[in-house]
Amino acid sequence: MKNAAKVMATAGAVSAALMMATSHQAVAQDFVPEKCFGVSESGKNDCAAGPGTSCAGTSTVDGQGNAWIYVPQGTCEKLVHGSLGATDLNLPG
């Protein structure tokens, strides 16, 4: 399995577990976001995807290290390749 596929599988599993563990209303009220780099799918980032990009939805590869999404605080570094800062992982070439 490719690294990007592992990243997406892990992110999906964490998201599903969080959704099942709490009600939608509780998540909306208690959600404390943190930026998590290196875990978004191509074109699904919340913002920032390196030089030459404008913002949300501009990442060009899965798991792009300089693109981020919001995740619940304390979750990012538990995800495969999740980082609280930009990395050089999977940068488009």
N, C-alpha and C. Protein backbone atom coordinates (compact mmCIF):
# COMPACT_ATOMS: atom_id res chain seq x y z
N MET A 1 0.85 -1.18 0.00
CA MET A 1 0.00 0.00 0.00
C MET A 1 0.89 1.23 0.00
N LYS A 2 0.58 2.19 -0.85
CA LYS A 2 1.37 3.42 -0.92
C LYS A 2 1.18 4.24 0.35
N ASN A 3 2.19 5.08 0.65
CA ASN A 3 2.13 5.92 1.85
C ASN A 3 0.90 6.80 1.87
N ALA A 4 0.56 7.40 0.73
CA ALA A 4 -0.60 8.30 0.68
C ALA A 4 -1.87 7.52 1.02
N ALA A 5 -1.98 6.28 0.55
CA ALA A 5 -3.16 5.47 0.85
C ALA A 5 -3.22 5.16 2.34
N LYS A 6 -2.08 4.91 2.96
CA LYS A 6 -2.04 4.66 4.40
C LYS A 6 -2.46 5.89 5.17
N VAL A 7 -2.01 7.07 4.71
CA VAL A 7 -2.38 8.33 5.36
C VAL A 7 -3.89 8.51 5.31
N MET A 8 -4.46 8.31 4.14
CA MET A 8 -5.90 8.51 3.97
C MET A 8 -6.70 7.48 4.77
N ALA A 9 -6.24 6.25 4.81
CA ALA A 9 -6.94 5.22 5.58
C ALA A 9 -6.92 5.54 7.06
N THR A 10 -5.79 6.00 7.56
CA THR A 10 -5.68 6.36 8.98
C THR A 10 -6.54 7.57 9.29
N ALA A 11 -6.49 8.58 8.44
CA ALA A 11 -7.30 9.79 8.66
C ALA A 11 -8.78 9.45 8.64
N GLY A 12 -9.19 8.58 7.74
CA GLY A 12 -10.59 8.16 7.68
C GLY A 12 -11.02 7.40 8.92
N ALA A 13 -10.16 6.53 9.40
CA ALA A 13 -10.48 5.75 10.60
C ALA A 13 -10.62 6.64 11.82
N VAL A 14 -9.72 7.60 11.95
CA VAL A 14 -9.79 8.54 13.09
C VAL A 14 -11.05 9.38 12.99
N SER A 15 -11.36 9.87 11.81
CA SER A 15 -12.56 10.68 11.62
C SER A 15 -13.82 9.89 11.96
N ALA A 16 -13.89 8.66 11.49
CA ALA A 16 -15.06 7.82 11.78
C ALA A 16 -15.20 7.55 13.27
N ALA A 17 -14.09 7.28 13.93
CA ALA A 17 -14.13 7.03 15.37
C ALA A 17 -14.61 8.26 16.14
N LEU A 18 -14.13 9.43 15.73
CA LEU A 18 -14.56 10.66 16.39
C LEU A 18 -16.04 10.93 16.17
N MET A 19 -16.53 10.67 14.98
CA MET A 19 -17.95 10.88 14.69
C MET A 19 -18.83 9.94 15.51
N MET A 20 -18.41 8.69 15.66
CA MET A 20 -19.21 7.72 16.41
C MET A 20 -19.16 7.99 17.90
N ALA A 21 -18.08 8.55 18.37
CA ALA A 21 -17.90 8.75 19.81
C ALA A 21 -18.67 9.95 20.35
N THR A 22 -19.03 10.88 19.49
CA THR A 22 -19.71 12.09 19.95
C THR A 22 -20.89 12.42 19.05
N SER A 23 -21.84 13.16 19.58
CA SER A 23 -22.95 13.60 18.74
C SER A 23 -22.50 14.77 17.89
N HIS A 24 -23.20 15.03 16.81
CA HIS A 24 -22.85 16.14 15.91
C HIS A 24 -22.89 17.47 16.67
N GLN A 25 -23.88 17.67 17.49
CA GLN A 25 -24.02 18.92 18.22
C GLN A 25 -22.84 19.12 19.19
N ALA A 26 -22.44 18.07 19.89
CA ALA A 26 -21.33 18.18 20.83
C ALA A 26 -20.03 18.51 20.11
N VAL A 27 -19.80 17.92 18.94
CA VAL A 27 -18.59 18.20 18.18
C VAL A 27 -18.57 19.66 17.76
N ALA A 28 -19.70 20.18 17.30
CA ALA A 28 -19.76 21.56 16.84
C ALA A 28 -19.47 22.53 17.99
N GLN A 29 -19.90 22.22 19.19
CA GLN A 29 -19.69 23.11 20.32
C GLN A 29 -18.30 22.98 20.93
N ASP A 30 -17.74 21.79 20.95
CA ASP A 30 -16.48 21.53 21.65
C ASP A 30 -15.27 21.44 20.72
N PHE A 31 -15.45 21.59 19.44
CA PHE A 31 -14.36 21.43 18.48
C PHE A 31 -13.33 22.54 18.66
N VAL A 32 -12.12 22.15 19.03
CA VAL A 32 -10.99 23.08 19.12
C VAL A 32 -10.03 22.65 18.02
N PRO A 33 -9.95 23.44 16.94
CA PRO A 33 -9.17 23.00 15.79
C PRO A 33 -7.67 23.23 15.94
N GLU A 34 -6.92 22.40 15.22
CA GLU A 34 -5.50 22.65 15.03
C GLU A 34 -5.18 22.33 13.59
N LYS A 35 -4.21 23.04 13.03
CA LYS A 35 -3.79 22.79 11.66
C LYS A 35 -2.94 21.53 11.63
N CYS A 36 -3.27 20.64 10.71
CA CYS A 36 -2.53 19.39 10.58
C CYS A 36 -2.02 19.28 9.14
N PHE A 37 -0.71 19.31 8.99
CA PHE A 37 -0.07 19.24 7.68
C PHE A 37 0.20 17.79 7.29
N GLY A 38 0.13 17.52 6.00
CA GLY A 38 0.54 16.22 5.47
C GLY A 38 -0.48 15.11 5.50
N VAL A 39 -1.75 15.42 5.77
CA VAL A 39 -2.75 14.35 5.84
C VAL A 39 -3.95 14.55 4.92
N SER A 40 -4.03 15.66 4.22
CA SER A 40 -5.21 15.91 3.38
C SER A 40 -5.10 15.19 2.04
N GLU A 41 -6.26 14.91 1.46
CA GLU A 41 -6.31 14.35 0.12
C GLU A 41 -6.04 15.46 -0.89
N SER A 42 -5.62 15.11 -2.07
CA SER A 42 -5.38 16.07 -3.14
C SER A 42 -6.64 16.91 -3.37
N GLY A 43 -6.47 18.23 -3.32
CA GLY A 43 -7.59 19.13 -3.56
C GLY A 43 -8.56 19.27 -2.40
N LYS A 44 -8.26 18.70 -1.24
CA LYS A 44 -9.17 18.73 -0.10
C LYS A 44 -8.59 19.50 1.09
N ASN A 45 -7.48 20.21 0.89
CA ASN A 45 -6.87 20.95 2.00
C ASN A 45 -7.72 22.15 2.38
N ASP A 46 -7.64 22.57 3.65
CA ASP A 46 -8.39 23.74 4.10
C ASP A 46 -7.71 25.03 3.67
N CYS A 47 -6.40 25.06 3.67
CA CYS A 47 -5.67 26.24 3.19
C CYS A 47 -4.18 25.91 3.15
N ALA A 48 -3.42 26.77 2.52
CA ALA A 48 -1.97 26.65 2.39
C ALA A 48 -1.57 25.36 1.68
N ALA A 49 -0.92 25.52 0.57
CA ALA A 49 -0.40 24.37 -0.16
C ALA A 49 0.88 24.75 -0.88
N GLY A 50 1.64 25.62 -0.24
CA GLY A 50 2.94 25.98 -0.78
C GLY A 50 2.89 27.07 -1.83
N PRO A 51 4.05 27.42 -2.35
CA PRO A 51 4.17 28.49 -3.34
C PRO A 51 3.33 28.19 -4.59
N GLY A 52 2.73 29.23 -5.14
CA GLY A 52 1.97 29.07 -6.38
C GLY A 52 0.55 28.62 -6.19
N THR A 53 0.08 28.51 -4.95
CA THR A 53 -1.29 28.10 -4.69
C THR A 53 -2.02 29.23 -3.97
N SER A 54 -3.32 29.24 -4.09
CA SER A 54 -4.08 30.34 -3.51
C SER A 54 -4.60 30.03 -2.11
N CYS A 55 -5.16 28.87 -1.92
CA CYS A 55 -5.65 28.53 -0.58
C CYS A 55 -6.37 27.18 -0.61
N ALA A 56 -7.59 27.15 -0.08
CA ALA A 56 -8.33 25.90 0.08
C ALA A 56 -8.51 25.17 -1.24
N GLY A 57 -8.34 23.84 -1.18
CA GLY A 57 -8.57 22.99 -2.34
C GLY A 57 -7.48 23.05 -3.40
N THR A 58 -6.30 23.54 -3.05
CA THR A 58 -5.25 23.72 -4.06
C THR A 58 -4.10 22.72 -3.96
N SER A 59 -4.16 21.79 -3.01
CA SER A 59 -3.09 20.78 -2.95
C SER A 59 -3.19 19.89 -4.18
N THR A 60 -2.08 19.37 -4.63
CA THR A 60 -2.08 18.60 -5.87
C THR A 60 -1.75 17.12 -5.69
N VAL A 61 -1.34 16.72 -4.49
CA VAL A 61 -1.06 15.31 -4.21
C VAL A 61 -1.61 14.94 -2.84
N ASP A 62 -1.96 13.68 -2.65
CA ASP A 62 -2.40 13.21 -1.34
C ASP A 62 -1.25 13.31 -0.35
N GLY A 63 -1.55 13.71 0.87
CA GLY A 63 -0.55 13.78 1.92
C GLY A 63 0.51 14.83 1.70
N GLN A 64 0.19 15.89 0.95
CA GLN A 64 1.15 16.95 0.64
C GLN A 64 1.60 17.64 1.92
N GLY A 65 2.90 17.64 2.17
CA GLY A 65 3.45 18.10 3.44
C GLY A 65 3.30 19.57 3.74
N ASN A 66 3.02 20.39 2.74
CA ASN A 66 2.86 21.82 3.00
C ASN A 66 1.40 22.27 2.88
N ALA A 67 0.48 21.33 2.87
CA ALA A 67 -0.96 21.63 2.85
C ALA A 67 -1.57 21.11 4.15
N TRP A 68 -2.56 21.84 4.68
CA TRP A 68 -3.12 21.42 5.97
C TRP A 68 -4.64 21.36 5.94
N ILE A 69 -5.18 20.63 6.91
CA ILE A 69 -6.61 20.61 7.20
C ILE A 69 -6.78 20.82 8.69
N TYR A 70 -7.96 21.25 9.09
CA TYR A 70 -8.26 21.35 10.51
C TYR A 70 -8.66 19.98 11.05
N VAL A 71 -8.12 19.62 12.19
CA VAL A 71 -8.50 18.40 12.91
C VAL A 71 -8.71 18.77 14.37
N PRO A 72 -9.40 17.94 15.13
CA PRO A 72 -9.56 18.24 16.56
C PRO A 72 -8.21 18.32 17.25
N GLN A 73 -8.07 19.27 18.14
CA GLN A 73 -6.82 19.47 18.87
C GLN A 73 -6.37 18.17 19.52
N GLY A 74 -5.08 17.85 19.39
CA GLY A 74 -4.51 16.64 19.96
C GLY A 74 -4.57 15.44 19.05
N THR A 75 -5.14 15.60 17.87
CA THR A 75 -5.31 14.48 16.93
C THR A 75 -4.19 14.39 15.91
N CYS A 76 -3.70 15.52 15.43
CA CYS A 76 -2.79 15.56 14.28
C CYS A 76 -1.60 14.62 14.41
N GLU A 77 -0.86 14.73 15.47
CA GLU A 77 0.38 13.96 15.59
C GLU A 77 0.13 12.47 15.80
N LYS A 78 -1.13 12.08 15.97
CA LYS A 78 -1.48 10.66 16.06
C LYS A 78 -1.71 10.05 14.68
N LEU A 79 -1.89 10.90 13.67
CA LEU A 79 -2.12 10.45 12.30
C LEU A 79 -0.79 10.15 11.61
N VAL A 80 -0.80 9.18 10.72
CA VAL A 80 0.40 8.85 9.95
C VAL A 80 0.80 10.07 9.14
N HIS A 81 2.02 10.53 9.28
CA HIS A 81 2.60 11.70 8.61
C HIS A 81 1.99 13.02 9.07
N GLY A 82 1.14 13.03 10.08
CA GLY A 82 0.55 14.26 10.60
C GLY A 82 1.61 15.10 11.29
N SER A 83 1.63 16.40 11.00
CA SER A 83 2.61 17.30 11.57
C SER A 83 1.94 18.65 11.86
N LEU A 84 2.34 19.29 12.95
CA LEU A 84 1.80 20.60 13.30
C LEU A 84 2.46 21.72 12.49
N GLY A 85 3.45 21.39 11.70
CA GLY A 85 4.12 22.35 10.82
C GLY A 85 4.35 21.74 9.46
N ALA A 86 4.57 22.57 8.46
CA ALA A 86 4.81 22.09 7.10
C ALA A 86 6.05 21.20 7.05
N THR A 87 6.01 20.19 6.17
CA THR A 87 7.13 19.28 5.96
C THR A 87 7.46 19.21 4.47
N ASP A 88 8.52 18.53 4.13
CA ASP A 88 8.91 18.32 2.73
C ASP A 88 8.34 17.03 2.16
N LEU A 89 7.46 16.37 2.88
CA LEU A 89 6.89 15.09 2.45
C LEU A 89 5.90 15.26 1.32
N ASN A 90 6.00 14.45 0.29
CA ASN A 90 5.05 14.39 -0.83
C ASN A 90 4.81 15.73 -1.49
N LEU A 91 5.83 16.54 -1.65
CA LEU A 91 5.66 17.81 -2.35
C LEU A 91 5.56 17.55 -3.84
N PRO A 92 4.69 18.28 -4.53
CA PRO A 92 4.57 18.06 -5.98
C PRO A 92 5.87 18.46 -6.67
N GLY A 93 6.19 17.76 -7.70
CA GLY A 93 7.47 18.02 -8.34
C GLY A 93 7.33 18.41 -9.71
